[in-house]
Amino acid sequence: MKKLKLLTNIEESYDELRYKTSWPTKSQVVKSAILVMIASVIIALIIFVMDQVVDALMHLVYNL
């Protein structure tokens, strides 16, 4: 009984992926990947700047 249900679920999943899912085009994937890379660099820069500010403040506090 469980095997039959499992096979039915697999078949339904395959059918949904094959016929009901809209896959992005290559240009859409490239644009999304570039956007993610740019956002990652911006977030990394923000974190780097925040880290440098906190580091400078800590050196200032501990060197008094």
C-alpha atoms as a PDB file:
ATOM      1  CA  MET A   1       0.000   0.000   0.000  1.00  0.00           C
ATOM      2  CA  LYS A   2       2.753   2.477   0.946  1.00  0.00           C
ATOM      3  CA  LYS A   3       4.789   1.612  -2.149  1.00  0.00           C
ATOM      4  CA  LEU A   4       1.796   2.312  -4.358  1.00  0.00           C
ATOM      5  CA  LYS A   5       1.247   5.690  -2.687  1.00  0.00           C
ATOM      6  CA  LEU A   6       4.935   6.511  -3.026  1.00  0.00           C
ATOM      7  CA  LEU A   7       4.911   5.675  -6.733  1.00  0.00           C
ATOM      8  CA  THR A   8       1.776   7.759  -7.220  1.00  0.00           C
ATOM      9  CA  ASN A   9       3.405  10.722  -5.457  1.00  0.00           C
ATOM     10  CA  ILE A  10       6.533  10.405  -7.602  1.00  0.00           C
ATOM     11  CA  GLU A  11       4.470  10.246 -10.785  1.00  0.00           C
ATOM     12  CA  GLU A  12       2.399  13.274  -9.774  1.00  0.00           C
ATOM     13  CA  SER A  13       5.539  15.225  -8.904  1.00  0.00           C
ATOM     14  CA  TYR A  14       7.097  14.390 -12.256  1.00  0.00           C
ATOM     15  CA  ASP A  15       3.937  15.402 -14.133  1.00  0.00           C
ATOM     16  CA  GLU A  16       3.787  18.705 -12.279  1.00  0.00           C
ATOM     17  CA  LEU A  17       7.454  19.459 -12.965  1.00  0.00           C
ATOM     18  CA  ARG A  18       7.117  18.459 -16.596  1.00  0.00           C
ATOM     19  CA  TYR A  19       3.826  20.097 -17.558  1.00  0.00           C
ATOM     20  CA  LYS A  20       2.803  22.708 -14.970  1.00  0.00           C
ATOM     21  CA  THR A  21       6.075  24.377 -13.997  1.00  0.00           C
ATOM     22  CA  SER A  22       7.205  27.421 -15.928  1.00  0.00           C
ATOM     23  CA  TRP A  23      10.971  27.313 -16.258  1.00  0.00           C
ATOM     24  CA  PRO A  24      12.946  30.561 -16.663  1.00  0.00           C
ATOM     25  CA  THR A  25      14.729  31.318 -19.901  1.00  0.00           C
ATOM     26  CA  LYS A  26      18.517  31.443 -20.080  1.00  0.00           C
ATOM     27  CA  SER A  27      18.520  35.251 -20.141  1.00  0.00           C
ATOM     28  CA  GLN A  28      16.295  35.379 -17.054  1.00  0.00           C
ATOM     29  CA  VAL A  29      18.645  33.030 -15.196  1.00  0.00           C
ATOM     30  CA  VAL A  30      21.679  35.098 -16.186  1.00  0.00           C
ATOM     31  CA  LYS A  31      20.007  38.354 -15.091  1.00  0.00           C
ATOM     32  CA  SER A  32      18.989  36.817 -11.769  1.00  0.00           C
ATOM     33  CA  ALA A  33      22.478  35.426 -11.173  1.00  0.00           C
ATOM     34  CA  ILE A  34      24.060  38.816 -11.875  1.00  0.00           C
ATOM     35  CA  LEU A  35      21.602  40.509  -9.534  1.00  0.00           C
ATOM     36  CA  VAL A  36      22.409  38.026  -6.764  1.00  0.00           C
ATOM     37  CA  MET A  37      26.153  38.553  -7.261  1.00  0.00           C
ATOM     38  CA  ILE A  38      25.784  42.344  -7.103  1.00  0.00           C
ATOM     39  CA  ALA A  39      23.606  42.139  -3.990  1.00  0.00           C
ATOM     40  CA  SER A  40      26.124  39.776  -2.356  1.00  0.00           C
ATOM     41  CA  VAL A  41      29.010  42.167  -3.015  1.00  0.00           C
ATOM     42  CA  ILE A  42      27.025  45.122  -1.648  1.00  0.00           C
ATOM     43  CA  ILE A  43      26.073  43.226   1.520  1.00  0.00           C
ATOM     44  CA  ALA A  44      29.678  42.044   1.962  1.00  0.00           C
ATOM     45  CA  LEU A  45      30.915  45.632   1.644  1.00  0.00           C
ATOM     46  CA  ILE A  46      28.375  46.853   4.201  1.00  0.00           C
ATOM     47  CA  ILE A  47      29.449  44.141   6.656  1.00  0.00           C
ATOM     48  CA  PHE A  48      33.134  44.957   6.008  1.00  0.00           C
ATOM     49  CA  VAL A  49      32.577  48.664   6.716  1.00  0.00           C
ATOM     50  CA  MET A  50      30.613  47.889   9.880  1.00  0.00           C
ATOM     51  CA  ASP A  51      33.386  45.552  11.040  1.00  0.00           C
ATOM     52  CA  GLN A  52      36.039  48.211  10.429  1.00  0.00           C
ATOM     53  CA  VAL A  53      34.037  50.813  12.371  1.00  0.00           C
ATOM     54  CA  VAL A  54      33.535  48.488  15.344  1.00  0.00           C
ATOM     55  CA  ASP A  55      37.225  47.505  15.234  1.00  0.00           C
ATOM     56  CA  ALA A  56      38.275  51.150  15.272  1.00  0.00           C
ATOM     57  CA  LEU A  57      35.924  51.905  18.161  1.00  0.00           C
ATOM     58  CA  MET A  58      37.236  48.949  20.156  1.00  0.00           C
ATOM     59  CA  HIS A  59      40.840  50.048  19.597  1.00  0.00           C
ATOM     60  CA  LEU A  60      39.887  53.530  20.710  1.00  0.00           C
ATOM     61  CA  VAL A  61      38.180  52.229  23.881  1.00  0.00           C
ATOM     62  CA  TYR A  62      40.940  49.786  24.859  1.00  0.00           C
ATOM     63  CA  ASN A  63      43.811  52.209  24.135  1.00  0.00           C
ATOM     64  CA  LEU A  64      42.551  54.877  26.553  1.00  0.00           C
END
